[in-house]
Amino acid sequence: MEEQVPFDNDAAKAQPLMEHLRRSFNFTCTHLGPHGLPLIGRADWNDCLNLNCFSEHPGESFQITGPSEGPVAESVFIAGMFVKYGHEYAQLCDHLNLTEEAAAARKESIDAVEQAALTAGWDGAWFRRAYDAFGKPVGSKECTEGQIFIEPQGFCVMAGIGKGDRAGRAGIEERGGAAGHQIRCGAAAARCLHQLPAEFGRDLQLSSGIQGERRYLLPQQPVDHLR
């Protein structure tokens, strides 16, 4: 953990590896949205879930546009990752005898994000995917299309979110079957979105249901020909 590792590939900015981990952890702690969930920024693991990026010009790359002013879009997926790996970071602090840092990480940050995932992230049927820049849920039973995304289901469960809460655990276990059914049988969940609301961001990744095939479309473009 004391090995010197450069920031931005600049040896003059080298810091111990532990400092890299600390700054990464603290970045999420200081970048939470209105629901207490981590901000998504341009996007998270899904490069094309650009909930903060908007454009008036079709064909403009989402890689260089936005994000919009005052982005508040949040990621439940990142929340699951933060809880899982945040606990591992706290365990590492314990191992290095950084007991106060470990305790603060758990009490002030990890527990708060876990609670946000249980309240704002859980819609009563499964874990939502995100909240867009207008505070509307993405990947929720409330949505007309794209009701469920697999990423937050896996990571929130691996993180043990709700495990220590008997009522929360019971609800997740009870509704897990519904989520599994939706993933297995949900043509409506897995198919392309037929409507591309502007609030979904600059570009969307649309799956045709064929493994490995990805299509990128702008909200301004019709998608009827992809059905």
C-alpha atoms as a PDB file:
ATOM      1  CA  MET A   1       0.000   0.000   0.000  1.00  0.00           C
ATOM      2  CA  GLU A   2       3.032   2.287   0.309  1.00  0.00           C
ATOM      3  CA  GLU A   3       4.174   1.759  -3.274  1.00  0.00           C
ATOM      4  CA  GLN A   4       4.416   5.068  -5.109  1.00  0.00           C
ATOM      5  CA  VAL A   5       1.987   5.238  -8.028  1.00  0.00           C
ATOM      6  CA  PRO A   6       1.770   8.234 -10.401  1.00  0.00           C
ATOM      7  CA  PHE A   7      -1.380  10.289 -10.815  1.00  0.00           C
ATOM      8  CA  ASP A   8      -2.170  11.046 -14.458  1.00  0.00           C
ATOM      9  CA  ASN A   9       0.940   9.105 -15.561  1.00  0.00           C
ATOM     10  CA  ASP A  10       3.098  11.849 -14.059  1.00  0.00           C
ATOM     11  CA  ALA A  11       5.844  10.515 -11.798  1.00  0.00           C
ATOM     12  CA  ALA A  12       6.117  13.943 -10.154  1.00  0.00           C
ATOM     13  CA  LYS A  13       2.574  13.451  -8.839  1.00  0.00           C
ATOM     14  CA  ALA A  14       3.193   9.982  -7.416  1.00  0.00           C
ATOM     15  CA  GLN A  15       1.462   9.055  -4.160  1.00  0.00           C
ATOM     16  CA  PRO A  16       1.190   5.780  -2.197  1.00  0.00           C
ATOM     17  CA  LEU A  17      -1.308   3.307  -3.625  1.00  0.00           C
ATOM     18  CA  MET A  18      -3.382   3.701  -0.467  1.00  0.00           C
ATOM     19  CA  GLU A  19      -3.795   7.391  -1.242  1.00  0.00           C
ATOM     20  CA  HIS A  20      -5.172   6.505  -4.674  1.00  0.00           C
ATOM     21  CA  LEU A  21      -7.751   4.251  -3.032  1.00  0.00           C
ATOM     22  CA  ARG A  22      -8.577   6.896  -0.438  1.00  0.00           C
ATOM     23  CA  ARG A  23      -9.185   9.599  -3.038  1.00  0.00           C
ATOM     24  CA  SER A  24     -11.297   7.253  -5.131  1.00  0.00           C
ATOM     25  CA  PHE A  25     -13.438   6.359  -2.109  1.00  0.00           C
ATOM     26  CA  ASN A  26     -13.773   9.990  -1.033  1.00  0.00           C
ATOM     27  CA  PHE A  27     -14.716  11.108  -4.551  1.00  0.00           C
ATOM     28  CA  THR A  28     -17.910   9.086  -4.386  1.00  0.00           C
ATOM     29  CA  CYS A  29     -18.578  10.309  -0.845  1.00  0.00           C
ATOM     30  CA  THR A  30     -18.526  13.919  -2.048  1.00  0.00           C
ATOM     31  CA  HIS A  31     -20.455  13.288  -5.267  1.00  0.00           C
ATOM     32  CA  LEU A  32     -23.900  12.155  -4.164  1.00  0.00           C
ATOM     33  CA  GLY A  33     -27.173  13.277  -5.687  1.00  0.00           C
ATOM     34  CA  PRO A  34     -30.563  14.367  -4.343  1.00  0.00           C
ATOM     35  CA  HIS A  35     -31.507  10.806  -3.310  1.00  0.00           C
ATOM     36  CA  GLY A  36     -28.183  10.169  -1.584  1.00  0.00           C
ATOM     37  CA  LEU A  37     -27.049   7.919  -4.452  1.00  0.00           C
ATOM     38  CA  PRO A  38     -23.743   8.371  -6.315  1.00  0.00           C
ATOM     39  CA  LEU A  39     -23.843  10.788  -9.219  1.00  0.00           C
ATOM     40  CA  ILE A  40     -23.573   9.053 -12.582  1.00  0.00           C
ATOM     41  CA  GLY A  41     -21.514  11.808 -14.243  1.00  0.00           C
ATOM     42  CA  ARG A  42     -21.330  11.234 -17.988  1.00  0.00           C
ATOM     43  CA  ALA A  43     -22.208   7.571 -17.514  1.00  0.00           C
ATOM     44  CA  ASP A  44     -21.207   4.621 -15.377  1.00  0.00           C
ATOM     45  CA  TRP A  45     -20.292   1.132 -16.603  1.00  0.00           C
ATOM     46  CA  ASN A  46     -22.886   1.547 -19.363  1.00  0.00           C
ATOM     47  CA  ASP A  47     -21.062   4.087 -21.515  1.00  0.00           C
ATOM     48  CA  CYS A  48     -24.241   5.067 -23.325  1.00  0.00           C
ATOM     49  CA  LEU A  49     -26.459   5.701 -20.327  1.00  0.00           C
ATOM     50  CA  ASN A  50     -25.722   9.398 -20.660  1.00  0.00           C
ATOM     51  CA  LEU A  51     -28.413  10.828 -18.459  1.00  0.00           C
ATOM     52  CA  ASN A  52     -26.713  14.212 -18.083  1.00  0.00           C
ATOM     53  CA  CYS A  53     -25.661  14.749 -21.703  1.00  0.00           C
ATOM     54  CA  PHE A  54     -27.936  16.479 -24.182  1.00  0.00           C
ATOM     55  CA  SER A  55     -27.410  17.786 -27.689  1.00  0.00           C
ATOM     56  CA  GLU A  56     -29.357  19.737 -30.282  1.00  0.00           C
ATOM     57  CA  HIS A  57     -27.282  18.270 -33.101  1.00  0.00           C
ATOM     58  CA  PRO A  58     -27.880  14.672 -34.241  1.00  0.00           C
ATOM     59  CA  GLY A  59     -24.637  12.830 -34.829  1.00  0.00           C
ATOM     60  CA  GLU A  60     -22.642  14.712 -32.193  1.00  0.00           C
ATOM     61  CA  SER A  61     -20.536  12.288 -30.201  1.00  0.00           C
ATOM     62  CA  PHE A  62     -21.637  11.765 -26.611  1.00  0.00           C
ATOM     63  CA  GLN A  63     -17.932  11.418 -25.817  1.00  0.00           C
ATOM     64  CA  ILE A  64     -17.388  15.162 -26.226  1.00  0.00           C
ATOM     65  CA  THR A  65     -20.754  16.746 -25.456  1.00  0.00           C
ATOM     66  CA  GLY A  66     -22.101  17.689 -22.027  1.00  0.00           C
ATOM     67  CA  PRO A  67     -22.629  17.039 -19.300  1.00  0.00           C
ATOM     68  CA  SER A  68     -25.442  19.507 -18.961  1.00  0.00           C
ATOM     69  CA  GLU A  69     -25.414  22.294 -16.420  1.00  0.00           C
ATOM     70  CA  GLY A  70     -26.042  21.144 -12.866  1.00  0.00           C
ATOM     71  CA  PRO A  71     -26.188  17.379 -13.535  1.00  0.00           C
ATOM     72  CA  VAL A  72     -27.949  15.443 -10.780  1.00  0.00           C
ATOM     73  CA  ALA A  73     -28.525  12.053 -12.419  1.00  0.00           C
ATOM     74  CA  GLU A  74     -27.701   9.185 -10.044  1.00  0.00           C
ATOM     75  CA  SER A  75     -26.666   5.538 -10.454  1.00  0.00           C
ATOM     76  CA  VAL A  76     -28.028   2.696  -8.316  1.00  0.00           C
ATOM     77  CA  PHE A  77     -25.450   0.463  -9.993  1.00  0.00           C
ATOM     78  CA  ILE A  78     -22.603   2.618  -8.645  1.00  0.00           C
ATOM     79  CA  ALA A  79     -24.300   2.566  -5.246  1.00  0.00           C
ATOM     80  CA  GLY A  80     -24.118  -1.233  -5.195  1.00  0.00           C
ATOM     81  CA  MET A  81     -20.464  -1.144  -6.210  1.00  0.00           C
ATOM     82  CA  PHE A  82     -19.661   1.508  -3.611  1.00  0.00           C
ATOM     83  CA  VAL A  83     -21.234  -0.504  -0.793  1.00  0.00           C
ATOM     84  CA  LYS A  84     -19.496  -3.728  -1.829  1.00  0.00           C
ATOM     85  CA  TYR A  85     -16.042  -2.295  -2.423  1.00  0.00           C
ATOM     86  CA  GLY A  86     -16.416   0.347   0.262  1.00  0.00           C
ATOM     87  CA  HIS A  87     -16.634  -2.428   2.848  1.00  0.00           C
ATOM     88  CA  GLU A  88     -13.484  -3.948   1.378  1.00  0.00           C
ATOM     89  CA  TYR A  89     -11.776  -0.556   1.629  1.00  0.00           C
ATOM     90  CA  ALA A  90     -12.807  -0.306   5.281  1.00  0.00           C
ATOM     91  CA  GLN A  91     -11.432  -3.812   5.906  1.00  0.00           C
ATOM     92  CA  LEU A  92      -8.163  -2.716   4.321  1.00  0.00           C
ATOM     93  CA  CYS A  93      -8.083   0.292   6.661  1.00  0.00           C
ATOM     94  CA  ASP A  94      -8.588  -2.080   9.603  1.00  0.00           C
ATOM     95  CA  HIS A  95      -5.696  -4.212   8.372  1.00  0.00           C
ATOM     96  CA  LEU A  96      -3.475  -1.107   8.246  1.00  0.00           C
ATOM     97  CA  ASN A  97      -4.567  -0.098  11.770  1.00  0.00           C
ATOM     98  CA  LEU A  98      -6.442   2.920  10.415  1.00  0.00           C
ATOM     99  CA  THR A  99      -9.309   2.189  12.759  1.00  0.00           C
ATOM    100  CA  GLU A 100     -10.785   5.688  12.858  1.00  0.00           C
ATOM    101  CA  GLU A 101     -10.766   5.952   9.073  1.00  0.00           C
ATOM    102  CA  ALA A 102     -12.403   2.529   8.780  1.00  0.00           C
ATOM    103  CA  ALA A 103     -15.110   3.428  11.287  1.00  0.00           C
ATOM    104  CA  ALA A 104     -15.834   6.748   9.583  1.00  0.00           C
ATOM    105  CA  ALA A 105     -16.019   5.081   6.175  1.00  0.00           C
ATOM    106  CA  ARG A 106     -18.606   2.617   7.411  1.00  0.00           C
ATOM    107  CA  LYS A 107     -20.712   4.930   9.563  1.00  0.00           C
ATOM    108  CA  GLU A 108     -20.608   8.175   7.593  1.00  0.00           C
ATOM    109  CA  SER A 109     -20.522   6.931   4.016  1.00  0.00           C
ATOM    110  CA  ILE A 110     -21.132   3.252   3.276  1.00  0.00           C
ATOM    111  CA  ASP A 111     -24.127   2.867   5.587  1.00  0.00           C
ATOM    112  CA  ALA A 112     -25.704   6.041   4.183  1.00  0.00           C
ATOM    113  CA  VAL A 113     -25.389   4.906   0.561  1.00  0.00           C
ATOM    114  CA  GLU A 114     -26.707   1.457   1.471  1.00  0.00           C
ATOM    115  CA  GLN A 115     -29.752   3.059   3.066  1.00  0.00           C
ATOM    116  CA  ALA A 116     -30.269   5.211  -0.023  1.00  0.00           C
ATOM    117  CA  ALA A 117     -30.130   2.083  -2.186  1.00  0.00           C
ATOM    118  CA  LEU A 118     -32.753   0.441   0.020  1.00  0.00           C
ATOM    119  CA  THR A 119     -35.097   3.405  -0.124  1.00  0.00           C
ATOM    120  CA  ALA A 120     -34.568   5.364  -3.333  1.00  0.00           C
ATOM    121  CA  GLY A 121     -32.920   2.490  -5.202  1.00  0.00           C
ATOM    122  CA  TRP A 122     -35.493  -0.228  -4.429  1.00  0.00           C
ATOM    123  CA  ASP A 123     -38.892   0.222  -6.085  1.00  0.00           C
ATOM    124  CA  GLY A 124     -40.680  -2.594  -4.250  1.00  0.00           C
ATOM    125  CA  ALA A 125     -40.100  -5.089  -7.060  1.00  0.00           C
ATOM    126  CA  TRP A 126     -36.393  -4.786  -7.919  1.00  0.00           C
ATOM    127  CA  PHE A 127     -33.526  -2.319  -7.840  1.00  0.00           C
ATOM    128  CA  ARG A 128     -33.894   0.666 -10.126  1.00  0.00           C
ATOM    129  CA  ARG A 129     -31.074   1.394 -12.551  1.00  0.00           C
ATOM    130  CA  ALA A 130     -30.734   5.140 -12.051  1.00  0.00           C
ATOM    131  CA  TYR A 131     -32.422   8.522 -11.751  1.00  0.00           C
ATOM    132  CA  ASP A 132     -32.196  10.852 -14.732  1.00  0.00           C
ATOM    133  CA  ALA A 133     -31.357  14.551 -14.753  1.00  0.00           C
ATOM    134  CA  PHE A 134     -35.019  15.353 -14.021  1.00  0.00           C
ATOM    135  CA  GLY A 135     -35.201  13.064 -10.993  1.00  0.00           C
ATOM    136  CA  LYS A 136     -37.248  10.405 -12.791  1.00  0.00           C
ATOM    137  CA  PRO A 137     -36.424   6.712 -12.255  1.00  0.00           C
ATOM    138  CA  VAL A 138     -34.805   4.617 -14.974  1.00  0.00           C
ATOM    139  CA  GLY A 139     -35.182   0.843 -14.949  1.00  0.00           C
ATOM    140  CA  SER A 140     -38.166   0.694 -12.613  1.00  0.00           C
ATOM    141  CA  LYS A 141     -41.565  -0.978 -12.559  1.00  0.00           C
ATOM    142  CA  GLU A 142     -42.906   2.569 -12.928  1.00  0.00           C
ATOM    143  CA  CYS A 143     -41.335   2.911 -16.391  1.00  0.00           C
ATOM    144  CA  THR A 144     -43.280   2.184 -19.560  1.00  0.00           C
ATOM    145  CA  GLU A 145     -40.284   0.475 -21.201  1.00  0.00           C
ATOM    146  CA  GLY A 146     -36.849  -0.631 -20.049  1.00  0.00           C
ATOM    147  CA  GLN A 147     -38.307  -1.599 -16.693  1.00  0.00           C
ATOM    148  CA  ILE A 148     -35.379  -3.663 -15.416  1.00  0.00           C
ATOM    149  CA  PHE A 149     -31.598  -3.611 -15.852  1.00  0.00           C
ATOM    150  CA  ILE A 150     -29.566  -6.584 -14.690  1.00  0.00           C
ATOM    151  CA  GLU A 151     -26.475  -4.695 -13.446  1.00  0.00           C
ATOM    152  CA  PRO A 152     -27.919  -3.173 -10.246  1.00  0.00           C
ATOM    153  CA  GLN A 153     -29.659  -6.458  -9.348  1.00  0.00           C
ATOM    154  CA  GLY A 154     -26.370  -8.325  -9.306  1.00  0.00           C
ATOM    155  CA  PHE A 155     -24.220  -5.733  -7.604  1.00  0.00           C
ATOM    156  CA  CYS A 156     -26.718  -4.709  -4.935  1.00  0.00           C
ATOM    157  CA  VAL A 157     -27.200  -8.365  -4.009  1.00  0.00           C
ATOM    158  CA  MET A 158     -23.436  -9.053  -4.024  1.00  0.00           C
ATOM    159  CA  ALA A 159     -23.017  -5.997  -1.797  1.00  0.00           C
ATOM    160  CA  GLY A 160     -25.437  -7.543   0.697  1.00  0.00           C
ATOM    161  CA  ILE A 161     -27.732  -4.528   0.574  1.00  0.00           C
ATOM    162  CA  GLY A 162     -30.707  -5.244   2.798  1.00  0.00           C
ATOM    163  CA  LYS A 163     -29.097  -8.354   4.272  1.00  0.00           C
ATOM    164  CA  GLY A 164     -28.864  -6.886   7.763  1.00  0.00           C
ATOM    165  CA  ASP A 165     -32.400  -5.548   7.694  1.00  0.00           C
ATOM    166  CA  ARG A 166     -34.928  -8.322   8.285  1.00  0.00           C
ATOM    167  CA  ALA A 167     -37.808  -6.463   6.666  1.00  0.00           C
ATOM    168  CA  GLY A 168     -35.643  -5.296   3.794  1.00  0.00           C
ATOM    169  CA  ARG A 169     -34.213  -8.767   3.249  1.00  0.00           C
ATOM    170  CA  ALA A 170     -37.674 -10.321   3.279  1.00  0.00           C
ATOM    171  CA  GLY A 171     -38.908  -7.831   0.716  1.00  0.00           C
ATOM    172  CA  ILE A 172     -35.941  -8.385  -1.576  1.00  0.00           C
ATOM    173  CA  GLU A 173     -36.221 -12.166  -1.291  1.00  0.00           C
ATOM    174  CA  GLU A 174     -39.970 -12.057  -1.871  1.00  0.00           C
ATOM    175  CA  ARG A 175     -39.727  -9.827  -4.904  1.00  0.00           C
ATOM    176  CA  GLY A 176     -36.563 -11.443  -6.280  1.00  0.00           C
ATOM    177  CA  GLY A 177     -38.689 -14.016  -8.027  1.00  0.00           C
ATOM    178  CA  ALA A 178     -40.539 -11.282  -9.870  1.00  0.00           C
ATOM    179  CA  ALA A 179     -37.282  -9.750 -11.016  1.00  0.00           C
ATOM    180  CA  GLY A 180     -35.972 -13.130 -12.152  1.00  0.00           C
ATOM    181  CA  HIS A 181     -39.181 -13.790 -14.069  1.00  0.00           C
ATOM    182  CA  GLN A 182     -38.930 -10.402 -15.736  1.00  0.00           C
ATOM    183  CA  ILE A 183     -35.327 -11.047 -16.782  1.00  0.00           C
ATOM    184  CA  ARG A 184     -36.039 -14.571 -18.075  1.00  0.00           C
ATOM    185  CA  CYS A 185     -39.327 -13.869 -19.810  1.00  0.00           C
ATOM    186  CA  GLY A 186     -39.326 -10.141 -20.287  1.00  0.00           C
ATOM    187  CA  ALA A 187     -39.400  -9.456 -23.974  1.00  0.00           C
ATOM    188  CA  ALA A 188     -40.562  -6.000 -22.960  1.00  0.00           C
ATOM    189  CA  ALA A 189     -37.581  -5.624 -20.646  1.00  0.00           C
ATOM    190  CA  ALA A 190     -34.873  -6.944 -22.944  1.00  0.00           C
ATOM    191  CA  ARG A 191     -36.021  -5.636 -26.318  1.00  0.00           C
ATOM    192  CA  CYS A 192     -35.077  -2.335 -27.896  1.00  0.00           C
ATOM    193  CA  LEU A 193     -36.780   0.726 -26.527  1.00  0.00           C
ATOM    194  CA  HIS A 194     -39.357   1.790 -29.061  1.00  0.00           C
ATOM    195  CA  GLN A 195     -39.589   5.263 -27.612  1.00  0.00           C
ATOM    196  CA  LEU A 196     -36.540   7.435 -26.964  1.00  0.00           C
ATOM    197  CA  PRO A 197     -37.534  10.239 -24.602  1.00  0.00           C
ATOM    198  CA  ALA A 198     -35.153  13.177 -24.704  1.00  0.00           C
ATOM    199  CA  GLU A 199     -34.665  13.038 -20.942  1.00  0.00           C
ATOM    200  CA  PHE A 200     -32.847   9.702 -21.377  1.00  0.00           C
ATOM    201  CA  GLY A 201     -29.828  11.671 -22.554  1.00  0.00           C
ATOM    202  CA  ARG A 202     -27.706  12.183 -25.626  1.00  0.00           C
ATOM    203  CA  ASP A 203     -27.243   8.584 -26.773  1.00  0.00           C
ATOM    204  CA  LEU A 204     -28.714   5.285 -25.688  1.00  0.00           C
ATOM    205  CA  GLN A 205     -27.335   1.804 -25.987  1.00  0.00           C
ATOM    206  CA  LEU A 206     -30.088  -0.360 -27.407  1.00  0.00           C
ATOM    207  CA  SER A 207     -29.799  -4.124 -27.407  1.00  0.00           C
ATOM    208  CA  SER A 208     -31.428  -6.087 -30.203  1.00  0.00           C
ATOM    209  CA  GLY A 209     -31.439  -9.151 -27.957  1.00  0.00           C
ATOM    210  CA  ILE A 210     -28.537 -10.693 -29.870  1.00  0.00           C
ATOM    211  CA  GLN A 211     -25.550 -11.228 -27.588  1.00  0.00           C
ATOM    212  CA  GLY A 212     -22.637  -9.015 -28.473  1.00  0.00           C
ATOM    213  CA  GLU A 213     -24.581  -6.772 -30.842  1.00  0.00           C
ATOM    214  CA  ARG A 214     -24.915  -3.122 -29.894  1.00  0.00           C
ATOM    215  CA  ARG A 215     -26.667  -0.298 -31.660  1.00  0.00           C
ATOM    216  CA  TYR A 216     -26.256   3.356 -30.884  1.00  0.00           C
ATOM    217  CA  LEU A 217     -29.044   5.780 -31.728  1.00  0.00           C
ATOM    218  CA  LEU A 218     -29.846   9.385 -31.069  1.00  0.00           C
ATOM    219  CA  PRO A 219     -33.101  10.377 -29.393  1.00  0.00           C
ATOM    220  CA  GLN A 220     -33.945  12.318 -32.559  1.00  0.00           C
ATOM    221  CA  GLN A 221     -33.753   9.206 -34.757  1.00  0.00           C
ATOM    222  CA  PRO A 222     -36.731   6.845 -35.378  1.00  0.00           C
ATOM    223  CA  VAL A 223     -36.228   3.233 -34.323  1.00  0.00           C
ATOM    224  CA  ASP A 224     -39.255   1.582 -35.892  1.00  0.00           C
ATOM    225  CA  HIS A 225     -37.062  -0.059 -38.527  1.00  0.00           C
ATOM    226  CA  LEU A 226     -35.198  -1.968 -35.799  1.00  0.00           C
ATOM    227  CA  ARG A 227     -38.230  -3.864 -34.538  1.00  0.00           C
END
